[in-house]
Amino acid sequence: MEALDVRNAPDYDAEVEMAKWLEMELGAKPSYSQFFSLAKDFYRVGRYDWSIYCIKQHMRDVPFERASSHLMGHCLFRQGKFEEATLELAKEVNKGFDEDWQLIIEGTIEHQRSRQEV
């Protein structure tokens, strides 16, 4: 896969626009493994909306992969979507992957805090 400068991805709200941009930049629709690699790249530069889009595409082909759920939970957390992040991370904790407990606790606290502020 040709290196893609993910920092230059435009701000799109619609997944259709994201798909078109990626296909145009890469010259072809990314494979499911490319989607996961792109998701990690977008996460590293703080483009959580793009990372979530790529994770969703990856999970269409590999719906139960732990790394995808883990990264999705972290993206949602960084976006301030604490309840959604907690639900995503809890899936993996319930399967025995305890690494996400700390972020679940932080997400629960932040979610409760945001509800109190409203």
Foldseek 3Di string as FASTA:
>chain_A
DDDDPLVPDDDDDDLVVVQVVVCVRVVHGDDLVVLQVVLVVCVVVPNLVSSLSSLVVNCVVVVPDPVSLQSNLVSCVSVVVLVVSLVSLVVVVVVPPVPCVVSNVVSVVSVVVVVVVD
